[in-house]
Amino acid sequence: MLDVSQGTYVELTASESDRLPTWAGDGRSVVFVRREQSNYAIYSIDIVTKKERLLVSTLGPFPPAIAWSLDSTTIAYPSSSDTGLDLLQ
């Protein structure tokens, strides 16, 4: 992330296996995919506190695409459910 006031880049996450960051519409958090052993997991991180939170684990061997709802209350990601899509609220 670019800190515009300082003109420097700031690392949000600590793992080199973090991928596919997706900003919430309200700009307060980012969700991302992290490789954990042979599976992927979805995490969120608060931009101000830098606190990470595990949302979903063991998503399989391929990184999922992630999408926020416009109001930043729901995250959609592909799954093996009947609809092929799961939601996190």
PDB file of N, CA and C in Angstrom:
ATOM      1  N   MET A   1       0.849  -1.153   0.000  1.00  0.00           N
ATOM      2  CA  MET A   1       0.000   0.000   0.000  1.00  0.00           C
ATOM      3  C   MET A   1       0.904   1.227   0.000  1.00  0.00           C
ATOM      4  N   LEU A   2       0.509   2.247  -0.719  1.00  0.00           N
ATOM      5  CA  LEU A   2       1.273   3.491  -0.772  1.00  0.00           C
ATOM      6  C   LEU A   2       0.742   4.465   0.263  1.00  0.00           C
ATOM      7  N   ASP A   3       1.603   4.884   1.174  1.00  0.00           N
ATOM      8  CA  ASP A   3       1.273   5.928   2.141  1.00  0.00           C
ATOM      9  C   ASP A   3       1.545   7.252   1.442  1.00  0.00           C
ATOM     10  N   VAL A   4       0.491   7.888   0.981  1.00  0.00           N
ATOM     11  CA  VAL A   4       0.632   9.105   0.176  1.00  0.00           C
ATOM     12  C   VAL A   4       1.268  10.231   0.980  1.00  0.00           C
ATOM     13  N   SER A   5       0.943  10.328   2.273  1.00  0.00           N
ATOM     14  CA  SER A   5       1.497  11.421   3.083  1.00  0.00           C
ATOM     15  C   SER A   5       3.007  11.296   3.258  1.00  0.00           C
ATOM     16  N   GLN A   6       3.520  10.057   3.282  1.00  0.00           N
ATOM     17  CA  GLN A   6       4.952   9.830   3.457  1.00  0.00           C
ATOM     18  C   GLN A   6       5.675   9.544   2.143  1.00  0.00           C
ATOM     19  N   GLY A   7       4.903   9.166   1.115  1.00  0.00           N
ATOM     20  CA  GLY A   7       5.519   8.820  -0.161  1.00  0.00           C
ATOM     21  C   GLY A   7       6.263   7.495  -0.123  1.00  0.00           C
ATOM     22  N   THR A   8       5.840   6.592   0.777  1.00  0.00           N
ATOM     23  CA  THR A   8       6.508   5.293   0.914  1.00  0.00           C
ATOM     24  C   THR A   8       5.487   4.166   0.820  1.00  0.00           C
ATOM     25  N   TYR A   9       5.998   2.982   0.486  1.00  0.00           N
ATOM     26  CA  TYR A   9       5.144   1.799   0.457  1.00  0.00           C
ATOM     27  C   TYR A   9       5.140   1.130   1.824  1.00  0.00           C
ATOM     28  N   VAL A  10       3.971   0.638   2.229  1.00  0.00           N
ATOM     29  CA  VAL A  10       3.793  -0.022   3.516  1.00  0.00           C
ATOM     30  C   VAL A  10       3.282  -1.436   3.264  1.00  0.00           C
ATOM     31  N   GLU A  11       3.967  -2.434   3.827  1.00  0.00           N
ATOM     32  CA  GLU A  11       3.506  -3.824   3.717  1.00  0.00           C
ATOM     33  C   GLU A  11       2.318  -4.015   4.644  1.00  0.00           C
ATOM     34  N   LEU A  12       1.231  -4.570   4.120  1.00  0.00           N
ATOM     35  CA  LEU A  12       0.071  -4.832   4.958  1.00  0.00           C
ATOM     36  C   LEU A  12       0.124  -6.206   5.607  1.00  0.00           C
ATOM     37  N   THR A  13       0.677  -7.173   4.901  1.00  0.00           N
ATOM     38  CA  THR A  13       0.703  -8.540   5.422  1.00  0.00           C
ATOM     39  C   THR A  13       2.146  -9.002   5.581  1.00  0.00           C
ATOM     40  N   ALA A  14       2.314 -10.060   6.367  1.00  0.00           N
ATOM     41  CA  ALA A  14       3.660 -10.520   6.688  1.00  0.00           C
ATOM     42  C   ALA A  14       4.121 -11.722   5.879  1.00  0.00           C
ATOM     43  N   SER A  15       3.220 -12.369   5.169  1.00  0.00           N
ATOM     44  CA  SER A  15       3.564 -13.602   4.474  1.00  0.00           C
ATOM     45  C   SER A  15       3.789 -13.365   2.985  1.00  0.00           C
ATOM     46  N   GLU A  16       4.830 -13.999   2.452  1.00  0.00           N
ATOM     47  CA  GLU A  16       5.090 -13.903   1.015  1.00  0.00           C
ATOM     48  C   GLU A  16       4.084 -14.711   0.202  1.00  0.00           C
ATOM     49  N   SER A  17       3.280 -15.534   0.864  1.00  0.00           N
ATOM     50  CA  SER A  17       2.297 -16.357   0.153  1.00  0.00           C
ATOM     51  C   SER A  17       0.942 -15.667   0.033  1.00  0.00           C
ATOM     52  N   ASP A  18       0.848 -14.398   0.411  1.00  0.00           N
ATOM     53  CA  ASP A  18      -0.411 -13.657   0.313  1.00  0.00           C
ATOM     54  C   ASP A  18      -0.620 -13.168  -1.109  1.00  0.00           C
ATOM     55  N   ARG A  19      -1.840 -13.368  -1.602  1.00  0.00           N
ATOM     56  CA  ARG A  19      -2.168 -13.040  -2.997  1.00  0.00           C
ATOM     57  C   ARG A  19      -3.559 -12.432  -3.107  1.00  0.00           C
ATOM     58  N   LEU A  20      -3.835 -11.867  -4.250  1.00  0.00           N
ATOM     59  CA  LEU A  20      -5.161 -11.402  -4.657  1.00  0.00           C
ATOM     60  C   LEU A  20      -5.828 -10.444  -3.669  1.00  0.00           C
ATOM     61  N   PRO A  21      -5.163  -9.370  -3.284  1.00  0.00           N
ATOM     62  CA  PRO A  21      -5.793  -8.421  -2.354  1.00  0.00           C
ATOM     63  C   PRO A  21      -6.985  -7.732  -3.010  1.00  0.00           C
ATOM     64  N   THR A  22      -8.042  -7.552  -2.223  1.00  0.00           N
ATOM     65  CA  THR A  22      -9.257  -6.910  -2.710  1.00  0.00           C
ATOM     66  C   THR A  22      -9.731  -5.913  -1.657  1.00  0.00           C
ATOM     67  N   TRP A  23      -9.749  -4.646  -2.018  1.00  0.00           N
ATOM     68  CA  TRP A  23     -10.152  -3.590  -1.086  1.00  0.00           C
ATOM     69  C   TRP A  23     -11.654  -3.602  -0.864  1.00  0.00           C
ATOM     70  N   ALA A  24     -12.057  -3.355   0.373  1.00  0.00           N
ATOM     71  CA  ALA A  24     -13.473  -3.130   0.674  1.00  0.00           C
ATOM     72  C   ALA A  24     -13.859  -1.769   0.098  1.00  0.00           C
ATOM     73  N   GLY A  25     -15.100  -1.637  -0.278  1.00  0.00           N
ATOM     74  CA  GLY A  25     -15.572  -0.377  -0.845  1.00  0.00           C
ATOM     75  C   GLY A  25     -15.443   0.798   0.094  1.00  0.00           C
ATOM     76  N   ASP A  26     -15.496   0.543   1.418  1.00  0.00           N
ATOM     77  CA  ASP A  26     -15.376   1.638   2.383  1.00  0.00           C
ATOM     78  C   ASP A  26     -13.921   2.004   2.671  1.00  0.00           C
ATOM     79  N   GLY A  27     -12.965   1.238   2.098  1.00  0.00           N
ATOM     80  CA  GLY A  27     -11.549   1.547   2.246  1.00  0.00           C
ATOM     81  C   GLY A  27     -10.946   1.204   3.591  1.00  0.00           C
ATOM     82  N   ARG A  28     -11.692   0.529   4.471  1.00  0.00           N
ATOM     83  CA  ARG A  28     -11.196   0.232   5.816  1.00  0.00           C
ATOM     84  C   ARG A  28     -10.462  -1.089   5.939  1.00  0.00           C
ATOM     85  N   SER A  29     -10.678  -1.990   4.987  1.00  0.00           N
ATOM     86  CA  SER A  29     -10.040  -3.303   5.092  1.00  0.00           C
ATOM     87  C   SER A  29      -9.779  -3.892   3.706  1.00  0.00           C
ATOM     88  N   VAL A  30      -8.957  -4.925   3.720  1.00  0.00           N
ATOM     89  CA  VAL A  30      -8.600  -5.661   2.512  1.00  0.00           C
ATOM     90  C   VAL A  30      -8.773  -7.138   2.828  1.00  0.00           C
ATOM     91  N   VAL A  31      -9.340  -7.890   1.890  1.00  0.00           N
ATOM     92  CA  VAL A  31      -9.316  -9.351   2.023  1.00  0.00           C
ATOM     93  C   VAL A  31      -8.272  -9.869   1.049  1.00  0.00           C
ATOM     94  N   PHE A  32      -7.672 -10.994   1.392  1.00  0.00           N
ATOM     95  CA  PHE A  32      -6.641 -11.566   0.532  1.00  0.00           C
ATOM     96  C   PHE A  32      -6.609 -13.075   0.729  1.00  0.00           C
ATOM     97  N   VAL A  33      -5.945 -13.741  -0.179  1.00  0.00           N
ATOM     98  CA  VAL A  33      -5.807 -15.192  -0.140  1.00  0.00           C
ATOM     99  C   VAL A  33      -4.396 -15.525   0.317  1.00  0.00           C
ATOM    100  N   ARG A  34      -4.282 -16.476   1.237  1.00  0.00           N
ATOM    101  CA  ARG A  34      -2.980 -16.906   1.730  1.00  0.00           C
ATOM    102  C   ARG A  34      -2.818 -18.407   1.497  1.00  0.00           C
ATOM    103  N   ARG A  35      -1.685 -18.774   0.935  1.00  0.00           N
ATOM    104  CA  ARG A  35      -1.355 -20.192   0.750  1.00  0.00           C
ATOM    105  C   ARG A  35      -0.914 -20.763   2.095  1.00  0.00           C
ATOM    106  N   GLU A  36      -1.589 -21.829   2.531  1.00  0.00           N
ATOM    107  CA  GLU A  36      -1.254 -22.496   3.788  1.00  0.00           C
ATOM    108  C   GLU A  36      -1.073 -23.976   3.504  1.00  0.00           C
ATOM    109  N   GLN A  37       0.166 -24.411   3.475  1.00  0.00           N
ATOM    110  CA  GLN A  37       0.527 -25.782   3.125  1.00  0.00           C
ATOM    111  C   GLN A  37      -0.015 -26.099   1.739  1.00  0.00           C
ATOM    112  N   SER A  38      -0.989 -26.989   1.604  1.00  0.00           N
ATOM    113  CA  SER A  38      -1.475 -27.349   0.266  1.00  0.00           C
ATOM    114  C   SER A  38      -2.832 -26.745  -0.050  1.00  0.00           C
ATOM    115  N   ASN A  39      -3.309 -25.824   0.776  1.00  0.00           N
ATOM    116  CA  ASN A  39      -4.605 -25.192   0.556  1.00  0.00           C
ATOM    117  C   ASN A  39      -4.494 -23.671   0.624  1.00  0.00           C
ATOM    118  N   TYR A  40      -5.600 -23.019   0.302  1.00  0.00           N
ATOM    119  CA  TYR A  40      -5.691 -21.575   0.408  1.00  0.00           C
ATOM    120  C   TYR A  40      -6.715 -21.186   1.464  1.00  0.00           C
ATOM    121  N   ALA A  41      -6.520 -20.020   2.053  1.00  0.00           N
ATOM    122  CA  ALA A  41      -7.436 -19.479   3.050  1.00  0.00           C
ATOM    123  C   ALA A  41      -7.688 -18.013   2.726  1.00  0.00           C
ATOM    124  N   ILE A  42      -8.827 -17.500   3.174  1.00  0.00           N
ATOM    125  CA  ILE A  42      -9.156 -16.088   2.984  1.00  0.00           C
ATOM    126  C   ILE A  42      -9.015 -15.382   4.327  1.00  0.00           C
ATOM    127  N   TYR A  43      -8.277 -14.284   4.311  1.00  0.00           N
ATOM    128  CA  TYR A  43      -8.061 -13.450   5.495  1.00  0.00           C
ATOM    129  C   TYR A  43      -8.541 -12.035   5.200  1.00  0.00           C
ATOM    130  N   SER A  44      -8.838 -11.304   6.261  1.00  0.00           N
ATOM    131  CA  SER A  44      -9.059  -9.863   6.136  1.00  0.00           C
ATOM    132  C   SER A  44      -8.022  -9.164   6.995  1.00  0.00           C
ATOM    133  N   ILE A  45      -7.742  -7.922   6.651  1.00  0.00           N
ATOM    134  CA  ILE A  45      -6.825  -7.117   7.460  1.00  0.00           C
ATOM    135  C   ILE A  45      -7.397  -5.709   7.583  1.00  0.00           C
ATOM    136  N   ASP A  46      -7.406  -5.204   8.806  1.00  0.00           N
ATOM    137  CA  ASP A  46      -7.843  -3.841   9.079  1.00  0.00           C
ATOM    138  C   ASP A  46      -6.693  -2.914   8.696  1.00  0.00           C
ATOM    139  N   ILE A  47      -6.970  -1.915   7.896  1.00  0.00           N
ATOM    140  CA  ILE A  47      -5.927  -1.021   7.379  1.00  0.00           C
ATOM    141  C   ILE A  47      -5.281  -0.194   8.493  1.00  0.00           C
ATOM    142  N   VAL A  48      -6.049   0.210   9.474  1.00  0.00           N
ATOM    143  CA  VAL A  48      -5.517   1.057  10.539  1.00  0.00           C
ATOM    144  C   VAL A  48      -4.726   0.247  11.560  1.00  0.00           C
ATOM    145  N   THR A  49      -5.319  -0.839  12.067  1.00  0.00           N
ATOM    146  CA  THR A  49      -4.675  -1.600  13.138  1.00  0.00           C
ATOM    147  C   THR A  49      -3.716  -2.665  12.612  1.00  0.00           C
ATOM    148  N   LYS A  50      -3.820  -3.010  11.330  1.00  0.00           N
ATOM    149  CA  LYS A  50      -3.027  -4.084  10.691  1.00  0.00           C
ATOM    150  C   LYS A  50      -3.354  -5.457  11.286  1.00  0.00           C
ATOM    151  N   LYS A  51      -4.479  -5.584  11.968  1.00  0.00           N
ATOM    152  CA  LYS A  51      -4.873  -6.859  12.572  1.00  0.00           C
ATOM    153  C   LYS A  51      -5.485  -7.764  11.510  1.00  0.00           C
ATOM    154  N   GLU A  52      -4.929  -8.989  11.397  1.00  0.00           N
ATOM    155  CA  GLU A  52      -5.427  -9.979  10.448  1.00  0.00           C
ATOM    156  C   GLU A  52      -6.479 -10.858  11.113  1.00  0.00           C
ATOM    157  N   ARG A  53      -7.440 -11.317  10.296  1.00  0.00           N
ATOM    158  CA  ARG A  53      -8.467 -12.228  10.804  1.00  0.00           C
ATOM    159  C   ARG A  53      -8.719 -13.309   9.763  1.00  0.00           C
ATOM    160  N   LEU A  54      -8.636 -14.568  10.170  1.00  0.00           N
ATOM    161  CA  LEU A  54      -8.933 -15.682   9.284  1.00  0.00           C
ATOM    162  C   LEU A  54     -10.444 -15.746   9.071  1.00  0.00           C
ATOM    163  N   LEU A  55     -10.875 -15.773   7.804  1.00  0.00           N
ATOM    164  CA  LEU A  55     -12.298 -15.838   7.495  1.00  0.00           C
ATOM    165  C   LEU A  55     -12.731 -17.237   7.073  1.00  0.00           C
ATOM    166  N   VAL A  56     -11.938 -17.864   6.205  1.00  0.00           N
ATOM    167  CA  VAL A  56     -12.252 -19.202   5.700  1.00  0.00           C
ATOM    168  C   VAL A  56     -10.947 -19.929   5.448  1.00  0.00           C
ATOM    169  N   SER A  57     -10.870 -21.197   5.839  1.00  0.00           N
ATOM    170  CA  SER A  57      -9.655 -21.964   5.572  1.00  0.00           C
ATOM    171  C   SER A  57      -9.971 -23.179   4.707  1.00  0.00           C
ATOM    172  N   THR A  58      -8.931 -23.854   4.290  1.00  0.00           N
ATOM    173  CA  THR A  58      -8.997 -25.062   3.451  1.00  0.00           C
ATOM    174  C   THR A  58      -9.929 -24.906   2.255  1.00  0.00           C
ATOM    175  N   LEU A  59      -9.573 -24.007   1.381  1.00  0.00           N
ATOM    176  CA  LEU A  59     -10.366 -23.758   0.179  1.00  0.00           C
ATOM    177  C   LEU A  59      -9.928 -24.591  -1.017  1.00  0.00           C
ATOM    178  N   GLY A  60      -8.944 -25.424  -0.844  1.00  0.00           N
ATOM    179  CA  GLY A  60      -8.497 -26.251  -1.948  1.00  0.00           C
ATOM    180  C   GLY A  60      -7.185 -25.764  -2.528  1.00  0.00           C
ATOM    181  N   PRO A  61      -6.731 -26.453  -3.578  1.00  0.00           N
ATOM    182  CA  PRO A  61      -5.389 -26.207  -4.110  1.00  0.00           C
ATOM    183  C   PRO A  61      -5.264 -25.008  -5.053  1.00  0.00           C
ATOM    184  N   PHE A  62      -6.362 -24.325  -5.366  1.00  0.00           N
ATOM    185  CA  PHE A  62      -6.299 -23.190  -6.293  1.00  0.00           C
ATOM    186  C   PHE A  62      -6.789 -21.931  -5.601  1.00  0.00           C
ATOM    187  N   PRO A  63      -6.127 -20.799  -5.824  1.00  0.00           N
ATOM    188  CA  PRO A  63      -6.555 -19.562  -5.158  1.00  0.00           C
ATOM    189  C   PRO A  63      -7.898 -19.091  -5.695  1.00  0.00           C
ATOM    190  N   PRO A  64      -8.835 -18.775  -4.806  1.00  0.00           N
ATOM    191  CA  PRO A  64     -10.148 -18.324  -5.259  1.00  0.00           C
ATOM    192  C   PRO A  64     -10.165 -16.832  -5.575  1.00  0.00           C
ATOM    193  N   ALA A  65     -11.053 -16.455  -6.464  1.00  0.00           N
ATOM    194  CA  ALA A  65     -11.308 -15.038  -6.694  1.00  0.00           C
ATOM    195  C   ALA A  65     -12.213 -14.547  -5.563  1.00  0.00           C
ATOM    196  N   ILE A  66     -12.050 -13.302  -5.176  1.00  0.00           N
ATOM    197  CA  ILE A  66     -12.827 -12.739  -4.074  1.00  0.00           C
ATOM    198  C   ILE A  66     -13.498 -11.462  -4.568  1.00  0.00           C
ATOM    199  N   ALA A  67     -14.741 -11.241  -4.129  1.00  0.00           N
ATOM    200  CA  ALA A  67     -15.443 -10.006  -4.498  1.00  0.00           C
ATOM    201  C   ALA A  67     -16.208  -9.471  -3.291  1.00  0.00           C
ATOM    202  N   TRP A  68     -16.130  -8.169  -3.072  1.00  0.00           N
ATOM    203  CA  TRP A  68     -16.884  -7.490  -2.019  1.00  0.00           C
ATOM    204  C   TRP A  68     -18.230  -7.040  -2.566  1.00  0.00           C
ATOM    205  N   SER A  69     -19.242  -6.985  -1.707  1.00  0.00           N
ATOM    206  CA  SER A  69     -20.490  -6.322  -2.067  1.00  0.00           C
ATOM    207  C   SER A  69     -20.228  -4.816  -2.073  1.00  0.00           C
ATOM    208  N   LEU A  70     -21.082  -4.069  -2.736  1.00  0.00           N
ATOM    209  CA  LEU A  70     -20.879  -2.618  -2.835  1.00  0.00           C
ATOM    210  C   LEU A  70     -20.904  -1.915  -1.481  1.00  0.00           C
ATOM    211  N   ASP A  71     -21.655  -2.473  -0.522  1.00  0.00           N
ATOM    212  CA  ASP A  71     -21.736  -1.833   0.794  1.00  0.00           C
ATOM    213  C   ASP A  71     -20.684  -2.363   1.778  1.00  0.00           C
ATOM    214  N   SER A  72     -19.758  -3.195   1.307  1.00  0.00           N
ATOM    215  CA  SER A  72     -18.642  -3.727   2.107  1.00  0.00           C
ATOM    216  C   SER A  72     -19.086  -4.610   3.272  1.00  0.00           C
ATOM    217  N   THR A  73     -20.259  -5.229   3.175  1.00  0.00           N
ATOM    218  CA  THR A  73     -20.730  -6.085   4.264  1.00  0.00           C
ATOM    219  C   THR A  73     -20.630  -7.573   3.941  1.00  0.00           C
ATOM    220  N   THR A  74     -20.435  -7.918   2.674  1.00  0.00           N
ATOM    221  CA  THR A  74     -20.440  -9.321   2.264  1.00  0.00           C
ATOM    222  C   THR A  74     -19.287  -9.593   1.307  1.00  0.00           C
ATOM    223  N   ILE A  75     -18.678 -10.772   1.469  1.00  0.00           N
ATOM    224  CA  ILE A  75     -17.603 -11.211   0.585  1.00  0.00           C
ATOM    225  C   ILE A  75     -18.073 -12.478  -0.116  1.00  0.00           C
ATOM    226  N   ALA A  76     -17.948 -12.525  -1.423  1.00  0.00           N
ATOM    227  CA  ALA A  76     -18.304 -13.712  -2.194  1.00  0.00           C
ATOM    228  C   ALA A  76     -17.033 -14.393  -2.679  1.00  0.00           C
ATOM    229  N   TYR A  77     -17.062 -15.737  -2.675  1.00  0.00           N
ATOM    230  CA  TYR A  77     -15.920 -16.507  -3.177  1.00  0.00           C
ATOM    231  C   TYR A  77     -16.433 -17.841  -3.718  1.00  0.00           C
ATOM    232  N   PRO A  78     -15.740 -18.444  -4.675  1.00  0.00           N
ATOM    233  CA  PRO A  78     -16.195 -19.712  -5.253  1.00  0.00           C
ATOM    234  C   PRO A  78     -16.060 -20.852  -4.247  1.00  0.00           C
ATOM    235  N   SER A  79     -16.988 -21.814  -4.348  1.00  0.00           N
ATOM    236  CA  SER A  79     -16.958 -22.960  -3.444  1.00  0.00           C
ATOM    237  C   SER A  79     -17.496 -24.197  -4.151  1.00  0.00           C
ATOM    238  N   SER A  80     -17.511 -25.277  -3.437  1.00  0.00           N
ATOM    239  CA  SER A  80     -18.048 -26.518  -3.995  1.00  0.00           C
ATOM    240  C   SER A  80     -19.508 -26.719  -3.608  1.00  0.00           C
ATOM    241  N   SER A  81     -20.175 -25.685  -3.134  1.00  0.00           N
ATOM    242  CA  SER A  81     -21.588 -25.783  -2.777  1.00  0.00           C
ATOM    243  C   SER A  81     -22.435 -25.932  -4.040  1.00  0.00           C
ATOM    244  N   ASP A  82     -23.722 -26.164  -3.858  1.00  0.00           N
ATOM    245  CA  ASP A  82     -24.624 -26.344  -5.001  1.00  0.00           C
ATOM    246  C   ASP A  82     -24.630 -25.138  -5.933  1.00  0.00           C
ATOM    247  N   THR A  83     -24.482 -23.951  -5.372  1.00  0.00           N
ATOM    248  CA  THR A  83     -24.495 -22.733  -6.199  1.00  0.00           C
ATOM    249  C   THR A  83     -23.120 -22.405  -6.771  1.00  0.00           C
ATOM    250  N   GLY A  84     -22.078 -23.024  -6.205  1.00  0.00           N
ATOM    251  CA  GLY A  84     -20.712 -22.728  -6.653  1.00  0.00           C
ATOM    252  C   GLY A  84     -20.186 -21.431  -6.072  1.00  0.00           C
ATOM    253  N   LEU A  85     -20.938 -20.854  -5.114  1.00  0.00           N
ATOM    254  CA  LEU A  85     -20.558 -19.565  -4.536  1.00  0.00           C
ATOM    255  C   LEU A  85     -20.930 -19.562  -3.059  1.00  0.00           C
ATOM    256  N   ASP A  86     -20.048 -19.079  -2.206  1.00  0.00           N
ATOM    257  CA  ASP A  86     -20.356 -18.891  -0.795  1.00  0.00           C
ATOM    258  C   ASP A  86     -20.214 -17.420  -0.458  1.00  0.00           C
ATOM    259  N   LEU A  87     -20.921 -17.012   0.597  1.00  0.00           N
ATOM    260  CA  LEU A  87     -20.896 -15.623   1.042  1.00  0.00           C
ATOM    261  C   LEU A  87     -20.472 -15.544   2.492  1.00  0.00           C
ATOM    262  N   LEU A  88     -19.668 -14.543   2.811  1.00  0.00           N
ATOM    263  CA  LEU A  88     -19.269 -14.241   4.191  1.00  0.00           C
ATOM    264  C   LEU A  88     -19.869 -12.889   4.544  1.00  0.00           C
ATOM    265  N   GLN A  89     -20.517 -12.817   5.694  1.00  0.00           N
ATOM    266  CA  GLN A  89     -21.093 -11.534   6.116  1.00  0.00           C
ATOM    267  C   GLN A  89     -20.550 -11.141   7.452  1.00  0.00           C
TER     268      GLN A  89
END
